[in-house]
Amino acid sequence: MAPEQAHPHHLDVVPILTFVQMILPGLGRWGGAFHPLNAILVLGLFAWLFYRLRQEQPAEPAVTRARDGLIITDRLGRCR
């Protein structure tokens, strides 16, 4: 994430929800009922975080000189 973007505050609760996930099954019938709901929420937040971290950042073109002129490539060397 770029530094100028705002910090996603909903990710602050992921460690807390993960810790609560361990406690919920031992709370009896009503507390244990929230165990699968919390699991879906935690899984969704981790999946969203994984998706955001795996997104490729837009590459700045690199310019290389050739005999014929300029060749513009991306950071992986593919011609544009």
C-alpha atoms as a PDB file:
ATOM      1  CA  MET A   1       0.000   0.000   0.000  1.00  0.00           C
ATOM      2  CA  ALA A   2       1.243   3.465  -0.769  1.00  0.00           C
ATOM      3  CA  PRO A   3       2.155   5.640   2.231  1.00  0.00           C
ATOM      4  CA  GLU A   4      -0.220   8.382   1.143  1.00  0.00           C
ATOM      5  CA  GLN A   5      -3.219   6.055   1.393  1.00  0.00           C
ATOM      6  CA  ALA A   6      -5.157   5.855   4.639  1.00  0.00           C
ATOM      7  CA  HIS A   7      -4.514   2.939   6.967  1.00  0.00           C
ATOM      8  CA  PRO A   8      -7.364   0.395   6.706  1.00  0.00           C
ATOM      9  CA  HIS A   9      -8.641   0.345  10.277  1.00  0.00           C
ATOM     10  CA  HIS A  10     -10.734  -2.774   9.773  1.00  0.00           C
ATOM     11  CA  LEU A  11      -7.471  -4.745   9.665  1.00  0.00           C
ATOM     12  CA  ASP A  12      -6.750  -3.691  13.252  1.00  0.00           C
ATOM     13  CA  VAL A  13      -9.383  -6.144  14.474  1.00  0.00           C
ATOM     14  CA  VAL A  14      -7.965  -9.216  12.683  1.00  0.00           C
ATOM     15  CA  PRO A  15      -5.529 -10.193  15.486  1.00  0.00           C
ATOM     16  CA  ILE A  16      -8.237  -9.653  18.099  1.00  0.00           C
ATOM     17  CA  LEU A  17     -10.779 -11.741  16.194  1.00  0.00           C
ATOM     18  CA  THR A  18      -8.175 -14.462  15.680  1.00  0.00           C
ATOM     19  CA  PHE A  19      -7.497 -14.579  19.424  1.00  0.00           C
ATOM     20  CA  VAL A  20     -11.219 -14.587  20.244  1.00  0.00           C
ATOM     21  CA  GLN A  21     -11.616 -17.482  17.802  1.00  0.00           C
ATOM     22  CA  MET A  22      -9.642 -19.701  20.206  1.00  0.00           C
ATOM     23  CA  ILE A  23     -11.842 -18.767  23.179  1.00  0.00           C
ATOM     24  CA  LEU A  24     -15.298 -19.048  21.598  1.00  0.00           C
ATOM     25  CA  PRO A  25     -15.623 -22.874  21.541  1.00  0.00           C
ATOM     26  CA  GLY A  26     -15.139 -23.056  25.305  1.00  0.00           C
ATOM     27  CA  LEU A  27     -17.875 -20.553  26.141  1.00  0.00           C
ATOM     28  CA  GLY A  28     -20.689 -23.032  25.974  1.00  0.00           C
ATOM     29  CA  ARG A  29     -23.581 -23.309  23.601  1.00  0.00           C
ATOM     30  CA  TRP A  30     -24.256 -19.615  22.944  1.00  0.00           C
ATOM     31  CA  GLY A  31     -20.636 -18.538  22.887  1.00  0.00           C
ATOM     32  CA  GLY A  32     -19.726 -21.462  20.674  1.00  0.00           C
ATOM     33  CA  ALA A  33     -22.439 -20.431  18.222  1.00  0.00           C
ATOM     34  CA  PHE A  34     -20.331 -17.421  17.260  1.00  0.00           C
ATOM     35  CA  HIS A  35     -17.274 -19.597  16.509  1.00  0.00           C
ATOM     36  CA  PRO A  36     -18.243 -20.354  12.869  1.00  0.00           C
ATOM     37  CA  LEU A  37     -19.457 -16.783  12.276  1.00  0.00           C
ATOM     38  CA  ASN A  38     -16.187 -15.379  13.579  1.00  0.00           C
ATOM     39  CA  ALA A  39     -14.275 -17.912  11.455  1.00  0.00           C
ATOM     40  CA  ILE A  40     -16.014 -16.706   8.285  1.00  0.00           C
ATOM     41  CA  LEU A  41     -15.290 -13.086   9.202  1.00  0.00           C
ATOM     42  CA  VAL A  42     -11.607 -13.779   9.952  1.00  0.00           C
ATOM     43  CA  LEU A  43     -11.237 -15.846   6.780  1.00  0.00           C
ATOM     44  CA  GLY A  44     -12.798 -13.065   4.721  1.00  0.00           C
ATOM     45  CA  LEU A  45     -10.504 -10.408   6.215  1.00  0.00           C
ATOM     46  CA  PHE A  46      -7.404 -12.540   5.647  1.00  0.00           C
ATOM     47  CA  ALA A  47      -8.513 -13.297   2.078  1.00  0.00           C
ATOM     48  CA  TRP A  48      -9.039  -9.590   1.390  1.00  0.00           C
ATOM     49  CA  LEU A  49      -5.625  -8.806   2.872  1.00  0.00           C
ATOM     50  CA  PHE A  50      -4.020 -11.540   0.746  1.00  0.00           C
ATOM     51  CA  TYR A  51      -5.735 -10.167  -2.356  1.00  0.00           C
ATOM     52  CA  ARG A  52      -4.569  -6.601  -1.641  1.00  0.00           C
ATOM     53  CA  LEU A  53      -0.988  -7.660  -0.989  1.00  0.00           C
ATOM     54  CA  ARG A  54      -0.822  -9.798  -4.152  1.00  0.00           C
ATOM     55  CA  GLN A  55      -2.019  -7.041  -6.476  1.00  0.00           C
ATOM     56  CA  GLU A  56       0.713  -5.892  -8.814  1.00  0.00           C
ATOM     57  CA  GLN A  57       1.654  -2.267  -8.560  1.00  0.00           C
ATOM     58  CA  PRO A  58       1.644  -0.399 -11.864  1.00  0.00           C
ATOM     59  CA  ALA A  59       5.119  -0.640 -13.303  1.00  0.00           C
ATOM     60  CA  GLU A  60       6.933   2.414 -14.496  1.00  0.00           C
ATOM     61  CA  PRO A  61       8.215   1.906 -18.038  1.00  0.00           C
ATOM     62  CA  ALA A  62      11.937   1.453 -18.502  1.00  0.00           C
ATOM     63  CA  VAL A  63      13.495   2.921 -21.613  1.00  0.00           C
ATOM     64  CA  THR A  64      16.351   1.078 -23.284  1.00  0.00           C
ATOM     65  CA  ARG A  65      18.351   2.125 -26.323  1.00  0.00           C
ATOM     66  CA  ALA A  66      18.505  -0.034 -29.417  1.00  0.00           C
ATOM     67  CA  ARG A  67      20.044   0.526 -32.831  1.00  0.00           C
ATOM     68  CA  ASP A  68      16.637   1.365 -34.290  1.00  0.00           C
ATOM     69  CA  GLY A  69      15.582   3.775 -31.560  1.00  0.00           C
ATOM     70  CA  LEU A  70      13.936   3.594 -28.154  1.00  0.00           C
ATOM     71  CA  ILE A  71      12.252   0.479 -26.817  1.00  0.00           C
ATOM     72  CA  ILE A  72       9.870   0.916 -23.896  1.00  0.00           C
ATOM     73  CA  THR A  73       9.561  -2.111 -21.627  1.00  0.00           C
ATOM     74  CA  ASP A  74       7.954  -2.804 -18.280  1.00  0.00           C
ATOM     75  CA  ARG A  75       9.983  -3.912 -15.255  1.00  0.00           C
ATOM     76  CA  LEU A  76       9.857  -7.544 -16.408  1.00  0.00           C
ATOM     77  CA  GLY A  77      11.381  -6.681 -19.755  1.00  0.00           C
ATOM     78  CA  ARG A  78       8.216  -7.145 -21.807  1.00  0.00           C
ATOM     79  CA  CYS A  79       7.823  -4.697 -24.682  1.00  0.00           C
ATOM     80  CA  ARG A  80       4.866  -2.387 -24.538  1.00  0.00           C
END
